[in-house]
Amino acid sequence: MKPRHITAITILTAAILISQVSVQTVSADSPGNLYALSAVLMDGDSGRVLYEKEGDTPRPNASTTKVLTCILALENAPGDDYVTVSANAASQPEVRLNLREGEQYYLEDLLYSLMLKSHNDSAVAIAEHIGGSVEGFAAMMNAKAEEIGCTDTHFVTPNGLDASDSGGEHHTTARDLSLIMRYAIRNKTFLKITQTRDYAFSDLGGTRQFSIHNTNALLDMTDGVLSGKTGFTGNAGYCYVCACEKDGKTLIVSLLGCGWPNNRTYKWKDTMALLDYGSANYEYRTFYQEPVLDSVEVTDGVTDGQWPGSKIRVEGICSVSDEEKQKKILLRKDESVTQKVVLPRKLLAPVTKGQSIGSVSYYLGDQLLYSFPVLARQSIGKISYQWCVDRVFHDFFH
C-alpha cells in the first residue's frame, strides 16, 4: 500500500507533535561473509531491503537481464505470435538455441528458451519482434525499469551480453535487480515459465525439434522457489536473482559479481545464506497503535453557544480502516517502528468536518512505511461582522 499524503492546510504557528512507539528489541544474526561483490535480500511484499552489501553499486548483470526481457514480451504480445528470426538474432554467440535466419517460432516457445536455458539468440529474436529492433527494445526496457522503481539501471541488450551505448555500459544494481524480480513474480505466466523443469517445442514448420531443461539449480536445493535466473559474462562474473516463499514470507535475493570461472557454486552458497538469514530473523508483526491526538486551537473560530474570545478547538480523528490496523509488515526481531503524529498548533478558521489537519506516520529508521491522515472531527465556523450582527439579534430577541 502506498503512503497517503495529507492535503495542504493553513497553519498560523506550525509545530510537530511526536509520539514514539517501539516494538520489542532482541538480537539478530548476520548472514555472514558473502562471496558476491553486491548482494540484496528484499521483502517481496513491501520492496524493503532487509540486507544489502553494496546494494546500490552499479555493475554488469549478464543474463539476469532476461527477467525484464521476458516480462516486456508477456506484457506486449500474445504467446501465439509468430516470431521470424533475423540474421542478427541467428548470429548471437553462445549460449544459443542455434536459430536460423528466416525460421518462425511461437513467442511463447522462445520465452521458455530464454528463461530455462538462457539462449542469447532467442532473446534478440524476441526483442526485435516486440521493439522493432534491439535498440527500440532497449528503450522499452529502460522505460520499464524506471517505471518499476529502478534508480541506476541502463540496459543495452536484451540478453545481458556486455555492451555499451551513448547512455553508458549495460548495468544495474542488486537493489534494482531485486525490484525487477519483485515485479516479475506478479505475472502468473512468468511464474509458470520459470518453474517449468523441462519443455519441448519445434519451429512452426515442424522441421526442427527442441527439448530444454531448466538450469535454475535452486529448484532442487530448497522448497518454495518461485523463480530464478542465472547469468555470466566476463565483466559481470556469476550473477543470480531469485524469489522464494519461506514460512509465509516472500524473499528476493540478487547477487552480482559472485565469483568467476571455478567459482560456479558461490552463487548457491550466498543465496542459501541470505534465504536462511531472512527466514530465521524476520517475522510479520502489526505496526499500528492508536495515536494520542491533541485538539488544535482554531483562530477566529466560532461555534454555537460560544462568543468570540473563547478558545475554540477542533478534535482530530485518524482515518484508518480496521483492515489497515491489522496489516502486518516483515520486521527483524531487533527492529523498532516509530509513530510520529504531526499536527499544527493552530489552524485558521473555517475548518470543515473531515478536512485533513495532520498525519500519523510510521517509520522504520528514516524510512516512511505508512502514513494516515488526521481529519477534523467537527466543523468550525469563521467569525465575521455579519456573524456578530446575527448573534446580537438572536440573543436580543430570544
Protein backbone atom coordinates (compact mmCIF):
# COMPACT_ATOMS: atom_id res chain seq x y z
CA MET A 1 0.00 0.00 0.00
CA LYS A 2 1.36 3.40 -0.90
CA PRO A 3 1.55 6.06 1.80
CA ARG A 4 -1.21 8.67 1.54
CA HIS A 5 -0.27 12.32 1.77
CA ILE A 6 -2.24 14.91 3.74
CA THR A 7 -3.74 17.87 1.93
CA ALA A 8 -2.47 21.43 2.37
CA ILE A 9 -3.80 23.28 5.43
CA THR A 10 -3.49 26.84 6.70
CA ILE A 11 -1.18 26.90 9.69
CA LEU A 12 -0.56 30.02 11.76
CA THR A 13 2.07 28.55 14.06
CA ALA A 14 3.33 25.16 12.94
CA ALA A 15 4.81 22.55 15.20
CA ILE A 16 5.36 18.83 15.13
CA LEU A 17 3.94 16.79 17.95
CA ILE A 18 5.75 13.48 18.06
CA SER A 19 4.98 10.34 19.98
CA GLN A 20 7.04 7.19 19.69
CA VAL A 21 6.01 3.58 19.97
CA SER A 22 8.61 0.81 19.68
CA VAL A 23 8.29 -2.92 19.29
CA GLN A 24 10.26 -5.32 21.43
CA THR A 25 14.01 -5.42 20.79
CA VAL A 26 16.10 -8.61 20.65
CA SER A 27 19.35 -9.56 18.90
CA ALA A 28 19.60 -10.69 15.27
CA ASP A 29 22.21 -12.76 13.50
CA SER A 30 24.14 -11.84 10.34
CA PRO A 31 24.11 -13.76 7.06
CA GLY A 32 27.91 -13.87 7.39
CA ASN A 33 30.53 -13.14 4.76
CA LEU A 34 29.27 -13.34 1.18
CA TYR A 35 31.22 -14.07 -1.98
CA ALA A 36 29.20 -11.65 -4.13
CA LEU A 37 30.50 -8.14 -4.71
CA SER A 38 26.91 -6.88 -4.46
CA ALA A 39 24.00 -8.61 -2.74
CA VAL A 40 20.48 -7.73 -1.65
CA LEU A 41 17.83 -9.57 0.34
CA MET A 42 14.46 -7.92 -0.27
CA ASP A 43 10.99 -8.33 1.21
CA GLY A 44 8.91 -9.26 -1.82
CA ASP A 45 5.78 -7.87 -0.19
CA SER A 46 6.89 -4.32 0.58
CA GLY A 47 10.02 -3.99 -1.55
CA ARG A 48 12.04 -3.09 1.53
CA VAL A 49 15.70 -4.10 1.54
CA LEU A 50 16.29 -6.41 4.52
CA TYR A 51 20.01 -6.83 3.95
CA GLU A 52 22.48 -5.41 1.47
CA LYS A 53 26.12 -5.49 0.53
CA GLU A 54 26.87 -2.65 -1.88
CA GLY A 55 23.26 -2.90 -2.97
CA ASP A 56 23.32 0.39 -4.90
CA THR A 57 26.64 -0.11 -6.69
CA PRO A 58 26.14 -0.33 -10.49
CA ARG A 59 27.56 -3.49 -12.06
CA PRO A 60 27.06 -5.56 -15.24
CA ASN A 61 24.45 -8.22 -14.63
CA ALA A 62 24.68 -10.67 -17.54
CA SER A 63 21.64 -12.88 -18.29
CA THR A 64 19.64 -11.81 -15.25
CA THR A 65 18.64 -9.09 -17.73
CA LYS A 66 16.36 -11.67 -19.35
CA VAL A 67 13.88 -11.37 -16.46
CA LEU A 68 12.91 -7.94 -17.79
CA THR A 69 13.05 -9.16 -21.41
CA CYS A 70 10.54 -11.87 -20.57
CA ILE A 71 8.19 -9.54 -18.71
CA LEU A 72 8.15 -6.98 -21.53
CA ALA A 73 7.32 -9.72 -24.02
CA LEU A 74 4.50 -11.07 -21.85
CA GLU A 75 3.03 -7.59 -21.46
CA ASN A 76 3.29 -6.53 -25.09
CA ALA A 77 2.40 -9.53 -27.26
CA PRO A 78 0.36 -12.77 -27.09
CA GLY A 79 2.20 -16.06 -26.76
CA ASP A 80 0.94 -17.34 -30.12
CA ASP A 81 2.58 -14.51 -32.06
CA TYR A 82 4.79 -15.69 -34.91
CA VAL A 83 8.40 -14.58 -34.41
CA THR A 84 10.60 -14.52 -37.50
CA VAL A 85 14.32 -14.98 -36.89
CA SER A 86 16.60 -12.29 -38.33
CA ALA A 87 20.24 -12.64 -39.39
CA ASN A 88 21.19 -10.58 -36.32
CA ALA A 89 19.36 -12.92 -33.96
CA ALA A 90 20.81 -16.03 -35.61
CA SER A 91 24.35 -14.67 -35.26
CA GLN A 92 24.31 -14.27 -31.47
CA PRO A 93 27.07 -16.06 -29.50
CA GLU A 94 26.67 -18.92 -27.06
CA VAL A 95 24.64 -19.80 -25.15
CA ARG A 96 22.13 -20.12 -28.01
CA LEU A 97 19.34 -22.26 -29.41
CA ASN A 98 21.02 -22.18 -32.85
CA LEU A 99 18.16 -20.37 -34.56
CA ARG A 100 18.40 -19.96 -38.33
CA GLU A 101 17.57 -16.86 -40.30
CA GLY A 102 14.03 -16.95 -41.69
CA GLU A 103 12.71 -19.57 -39.27
CA GLN A 104 9.50 -18.85 -37.38
CA TYR A 105 8.60 -19.76 -33.80
CA TYR A 106 5.78 -19.11 -31.38
CA LEU A 107 6.74 -16.31 -29.00
CA GLU A 108 5.81 -18.48 -26.01
CA ASP A 109 8.25 -21.21 -27.05
CA LEU A 110 11.07 -18.69 -27.34
CA LEU A 111 10.27 -17.41 -23.83
CA TYR A 112 10.88 -20.90 -22.46
CA SER A 113 14.14 -20.99 -24.40
CA LEU A 114 15.00 -17.57 -22.94
CA MET A 115 14.33 -18.36 -19.29
CA LEU A 116 15.12 -22.08 -18.97
CA LYS A 117 18.37 -22.21 -20.99
CA SER A 118 19.23 -18.50 -21.32
CA HIS A 119 19.58 -18.59 -25.12
CA ASN A 120 21.02 -15.33 -26.44
CA ASP A 121 19.63 -15.75 -29.97
CA SER A 122 16.10 -16.24 -28.61
CA ALA A 123 16.48 -13.02 -26.61
CA VAL A 124 17.33 -10.97 -29.70
CA ALA A 125 14.55 -12.57 -31.77
CA ILE A 126 12.06 -11.67 -29.04
CA ALA A 127 13.44 -8.14 -28.71
CA GLU A 128 13.24 -7.43 -32.44
CA HIS A 129 9.70 -8.78 -32.57
CA ILE A 130 8.49 -6.63 -29.66
CA GLY A 131 10.57 -3.48 -30.12
CA GLY A 132 11.22 -3.49 -33.86
CA SER A 133 14.97 -3.56 -33.18
CA VAL A 134 17.36 -4.26 -30.34
CA GLU A 135 17.72 -0.51 -29.80
CA GLY A 136 13.97 0.00 -29.74
CA PHE A 137 13.53 -2.82 -27.26
CA ALA A 138 16.34 -1.48 -25.06
CA ALA A 139 14.48 1.83 -24.86
CA MET A 140 11.38 -0.09 -23.72
CA MET A 141 13.47 -1.94 -21.13
CA ASN A 142 14.88 1.22 -19.63
CA ALA A 143 11.48 2.89 -19.52
CA LYS A 144 10.02 -0.18 -17.79
CA ALA A 145 12.88 -0.31 -15.29
CA GLU A 146 12.23 3.31 -14.36
CA GLU A 147 8.51 2.59 -14.01
CA ILE A 148 9.26 -0.32 -11.67
CA GLY A 149 11.33 1.99 -9.46
CA CYS A 150 14.89 1.27 -10.57
CA THR A 151 17.21 4.21 -9.98
CA ASP A 152 20.51 3.08 -11.54
CA THR A 153 19.74 0.65 -14.37
CA HIS A 154 20.75 1.02 -18.02
CA PHE A 155 20.16 -1.90 -20.38
CA VAL A 156 21.69 -2.03 -23.85
CA THR A 157 20.99 -5.64 -24.85
CA PRO A 158 18.01 -7.96 -24.24
CA ASN A 159 20.30 -10.89 -23.36
CA GLY A 160 22.66 -9.11 -20.95
CA LEU A 161 25.81 -9.52 -23.02
CA ASP A 162 28.40 -6.90 -22.12
CA ALA A 163 27.78 -3.81 -24.27
CA SER A 164 27.59 -0.04 -24.13
CA ASP A 165 25.92 2.81 -25.98
CA SER A 166 25.61 6.58 -25.63
CA GLY A 167 23.85 6.06 -22.29
CA GLY A 168 26.71 4.06 -20.81
CA GLU A 169 27.53 0.42 -20.12
CA HIS A 170 24.90 -2.26 -19.65
CA HIS A 171 24.37 -2.42 -15.87
CA THR A 172 22.04 -2.49 -12.92
CA THR A 173 22.34 -2.70 -9.13
CA ALA A 174 21.48 -5.53 -6.79
CA ARG A 175 18.63 -3.43 -5.41
CA ASP A 176 17.23 -2.62 -8.85
CA LEU A 177 17.52 -6.24 -9.95
CA SER A 178 15.53 -7.31 -6.90
CA LEU A 179 12.84 -4.78 -7.76
CA ILE A 180 12.63 -6.19 -11.30
CA MET A 181 12.18 -9.72 -9.95
CA ARG A 182 9.64 -8.48 -7.40
CA TYR A 183 7.63 -7.02 -10.28
CA ALA A 184 8.03 -10.10 -12.47
CA ILE A 185 6.68 -12.63 -9.97
CA ARG A 186 3.31 -10.88 -10.00
CA ASN A 187 2.83 -12.29 -13.51
CA LYS A 188 1.38 -15.82 -13.41
CA THR A 189 2.68 -16.75 -16.85
CA PHE A 190 6.19 -15.67 -15.86
CA LEU A 191 5.99 -17.94 -12.81
CA LYS A 192 4.70 -20.84 -14.92
CA ILE A 193 7.58 -20.49 -17.37
CA THR A 194 10.35 -20.16 -14.80
CA GLN A 195 9.06 -23.03 -12.62
CA THR A 196 8.94 -25.46 -15.56
CA ARG A 197 11.62 -28.16 -15.32
CA ASP A 198 11.53 -29.46 -18.92
CA TYR A 199 9.99 -28.14 -22.12
CA ALA A 200 9.78 -29.36 -25.72
CA PHE A 201 8.81 -27.43 -28.86
CA SER A 202 9.52 -27.08 -32.57
CA ASP A 203 9.71 -24.37 -35.17
CA LEU A 204 6.43 -23.52 -36.92
CA GLY A 205 7.39 -25.64 -39.90
CA GLY A 206 7.84 -28.68 -37.67
CA THR A 207 11.24 -29.44 -39.17
CA ARG A 208 13.31 -28.90 -36.01
CA GLN A 209 12.58 -30.29 -32.56
CA PHE A 210 13.96 -28.93 -29.29
CA SER A 211 13.99 -30.22 -25.71
CA ILE A 212 15.33 -27.98 -22.94
CA HIS A 213 15.90 -28.35 -19.20
CA ASN A 214 15.75 -25.60 -16.60
CA THR A 215 19.25 -24.58 -15.43
CA ASN A 216 17.98 -22.97 -12.19
CA ALA A 217 19.52 -25.46 -9.75
CA LEU A 218 17.85 -23.76 -6.78
CA LEU A 219 14.62 -25.54 -7.77
CA ASP A 220 16.19 -28.75 -6.43
CA MET A 221 18.00 -27.18 -3.47
CA THR A 222 15.16 -25.77 -1.39
CA ASP A 223 11.37 -25.62 -1.19
CA GLY A 224 9.27 -22.63 -2.16
CA VAL A 225 11.25 -21.42 -5.18
CA LEU A 226 9.03 -19.07 -7.20
CA SER A 227 11.52 -18.07 -9.89
CA GLY A 228 15.21 -17.64 -10.60
CA LYS A 229 17.63 -16.60 -13.32
CA THR A 230 21.37 -17.17 -13.60
CA GLY A 231 23.88 -15.18 -15.64
CA PHE A 232 27.54 -14.96 -16.55
CA THR A 233 29.81 -12.78 -18.69
CA GLY A 234 33.48 -11.93 -18.41
CA ASN A 235 32.71 -8.50 -16.99
CA ALA A 236 29.76 -9.48 -14.81
CA GLY A 237 31.03 -12.70 -13.30
CA TYR A 238 28.39 -15.09 -12.00
CA CYS A 239 25.07 -13.37 -11.25
CA TYR A 240 21.80 -14.64 -9.88
CA VAL A 241 18.36 -13.38 -8.91
CA CYS A 242 15.55 -15.42 -7.38
CA ALA A 243 12.33 -15.27 -5.40
CA CYS A 244 11.30 -17.81 -2.75
CA GLU A 245 8.46 -18.32 -0.30
CA LYS A 246 9.75 -19.19 3.15
CA ASP A 247 7.40 -19.59 6.12
CA GLY A 248 4.83 -17.30 4.55
CA LYS A 249 7.46 -14.71 3.58
CA THR A 250 8.34 -13.81 0.00
CA LEU A 251 12.10 -13.26 -0.10
CA ILE A 252 14.05 -12.00 -3.10
CA VAL A 253 17.81 -12.46 -3.47
CA SER A 254 20.01 -10.76 -6.05
CA LEU A 255 23.76 -11.31 -6.46
CA LEU A 256 26.20 -9.51 -8.78
CA GLY A 257 29.85 -10.42 -9.26
CA CYS A 258 29.52 -13.66 -7.32
CA GLY A 259 32.80 -15.20 -8.43
CA TRP A 260 34.30 -16.01 -11.82
CA PRO A 261 35.17 -19.36 -13.50
CA ASN A 262 35.96 -22.11 -10.98
CA ASN A 263 33.57 -20.35 -8.56
CA ARG A 264 30.33 -21.51 -10.14
CA THR A 265 28.82 -22.69 -6.84
CA TYR A 266 29.37 -19.44 -4.92
CA LYS A 267 26.00 -18.06 -6.00
CA TRP A 268 24.16 -21.02 -4.50
CA LYS A 269 26.00 -20.67 -1.18
CA ASP A 270 25.28 -16.94 -0.99
CA THR A 271 21.64 -17.45 -1.95
CA MET A 272 21.04 -20.08 0.71
CA ALA A 273 22.83 -17.98 3.34
CA LEU A 274 20.60 -14.98 2.61
CA LEU A 275 17.40 -17.04 2.48
CA ASP A 276 18.27 -18.73 5.79
CA TYR A 277 19.04 -15.34 7.33
CA GLY A 278 15.71 -13.89 6.19
CA SER A 279 13.76 -16.92 7.32
CA ALA A 280 15.37 -17.04 10.78
CA ASN A 281 15.44 -13.35 11.63
CA TYR A 282 12.32 -11.75 10.14
CA GLU A 283 8.69 -12.18 11.07
CA TYR A 284 5.39 -10.48 10.28
CA ARG A 285 4.09 -8.14 13.00
CA THR A 286 1.40 -5.49 13.20
CA PHE A 287 2.73 -1.95 13.45
CA TYR A 288 -0.38 0.19 14.05
CA GLN A 289 -1.03 1.63 17.51
CA GLU A 290 -3.76 4.13 18.35
CA PRO A 291 -2.24 7.63 18.39
CA VAL A 292 -2.84 10.21 21.11
CA LEU A 293 -4.27 13.23 19.29
CA ASP A 294 -4.40 16.63 20.98
CA SER A 295 -7.10 19.06 19.90
CA VAL A 296 -5.95 22.05 17.82
CA GLU A 297 -6.82 25.69 18.55
CA VAL A 298 -8.72 27.43 15.75
CA THR A 299 -8.06 31.16 15.34
CA ASP A 300 -11.12 33.31 14.51
CA GLY A 301 -13.32 30.30 15.03
CA VAL A 302 -16.87 30.28 16.33
CA THR A 303 -19.35 27.61 17.30
CA ASP A 304 -22.91 27.67 18.51
CA GLY A 305 -23.14 28.71 22.15
CA GLN A 306 -19.75 30.39 22.32
CA TRP A 307 -18.92 34.08 21.93
CA PRO A 308 -15.77 35.34 20.26
CA GLY A 309 -12.88 35.36 22.68
CA SER A 310 -13.47 31.82 23.80
CA LYS A 311 -10.77 29.36 22.80
CA ILE A 312 -12.22 27.27 20.01
CA ARG A 313 -10.55 23.91 19.41
CA VAL A 314 -11.08 21.16 16.88
CA GLU A 315 -10.56 17.49 17.62
CA GLY A 316 -8.87 15.14 15.17
CA ILE A 317 -9.51 11.54 14.26
CA CYS A 318 -7.05 9.25 12.47
CA SER A 319 -8.54 7.98 9.21
CA VAL A 320 -7.52 4.32 9.10
CA SER A 321 -9.61 1.25 8.33
CA ASP A 322 -9.80 -1.85 10.52
CA GLU A 323 -8.05 -3.77 7.76
CA GLU A 324 -5.17 -1.29 7.75
CA LYS A 325 -4.90 -1.50 11.53
CA GLN A 326 -4.36 -5.25 11.26
CA LYS A 327 -1.81 -5.03 8.42
CA LYS A 328 1.49 -6.74 9.17
CA ILE A 329 4.98 -5.93 7.97
CA LEU A 330 8.14 -8.00 7.89
CA LEU A 331 10.47 -6.91 10.68
CA ARG A 332 13.73 -8.20 12.08
CA LYS A 333 13.48 -9.18 15.70
CA ASP A 334 15.55 -6.21 16.85
CA GLU A 335 13.88 -3.57 14.62
CA SER A 336 11.59 -0.89 16.03
CA VAL A 337 8.81 1.07 14.39
CA THR A 338 8.33 4.71 15.35
CA GLN A 339 4.99 6.51 15.29
CA LYS A 340 5.01 10.23 14.51
CA VAL A 341 1.97 12.46 14.94
CA VAL A 342 2.13 15.72 13.01
CA LEU A 343 -0.43 18.43 13.92
CA PRO A 344 -0.36 22.24 13.72
CA ARG A 345 -0.55 24.24 16.95
CA LYS A 346 -3.15 26.49 15.40
CA LEU A 347 -5.48 26.49 12.43
CA LEU A 348 -7.20 29.43 10.76
CA ALA A 349 -10.99 29.21 10.61
CA PRO A 350 -13.08 27.99 8.94
CA VAL A 351 -12.46 24.26 9.39
CA THR A 352 -14.70 21.72 7.70
CA LYS A 353 -15.61 18.35 9.20
CA GLY A 354 -13.49 15.69 7.50
CA GLN A 355 -10.81 18.20 6.46
CA SER A 356 -7.25 16.89 6.69
CA ILE A 357 -5.46 18.67 9.51
CA GLY A 358 -2.42 16.45 10.09
CA SER A 359 -0.99 12.98 9.78
CA VAL A 360 0.04 9.87 11.71
CA SER A 361 3.09 8.21 10.15
CA TYR A 362 5.09 5.08 10.87
CA TYR A 363 8.84 4.92 10.28
CA LEU A 364 11.50 2.26 10.35
CA GLY A 365 14.57 4.34 10.98
CA ASP A 366 14.33 7.14 8.43
CA GLN A 367 12.19 5.11 6.03
CA LEU A 368 8.50 6.01 5.84
CA LEU A 369 6.40 2.84 5.94
CA TYR A 370 2.83 4.17 6.03
CA SER A 371 1.06 7.47 6.61
CA PHE A 372 -2.58 8.11 7.52
CA PRO A 373 -4.39 11.49 7.54
CA VAL A 374 -5.83 13.07 10.67
CA LEU A 375 -9.27 14.52 9.90
CA ALA A 376 -11.27 17.22 11.70
CA ARG A 377 -13.99 15.62 13.80
CA GLN A 378 -16.31 18.66 13.54
CA SER A 379 -16.77 21.87 11.58
CA ILE A 380 -15.69 25.24 12.99
CA GLY A 381 -17.11 28.44 11.52
CA LYS A 382 -15.24 31.71 10.98
CA ILE A 383 -16.16 34.82 12.92
CA SER A 384 -17.28 37.76 10.79
CA TYR A 385 -19.12 41.10 11.16
CA GLN A 386 -22.30 39.52 9.85
CA TRP A 387 -21.97 36.66 12.34
CA CYS A 388 -21.75 39.19 15.20
CA VAL A 389 -24.83 41.09 13.97
CA ASP A 390 -26.80 37.88 13.61
CA ARG A 391 -25.73 36.71 17.07
CA VAL A 392 -26.72 40.02 18.76
CA PHE A 393 -30.06 39.95 17.01
CA HIS A 394 -30.64 36.32 18.00
CA ASP A 395 -29.76 36.87 21.68
CA PHE A 396 -31.78 40.10 21.97
CA PHE A 397 -35.00 38.67 20.60
CA HIS A 398 -34.66 35.21 22.08
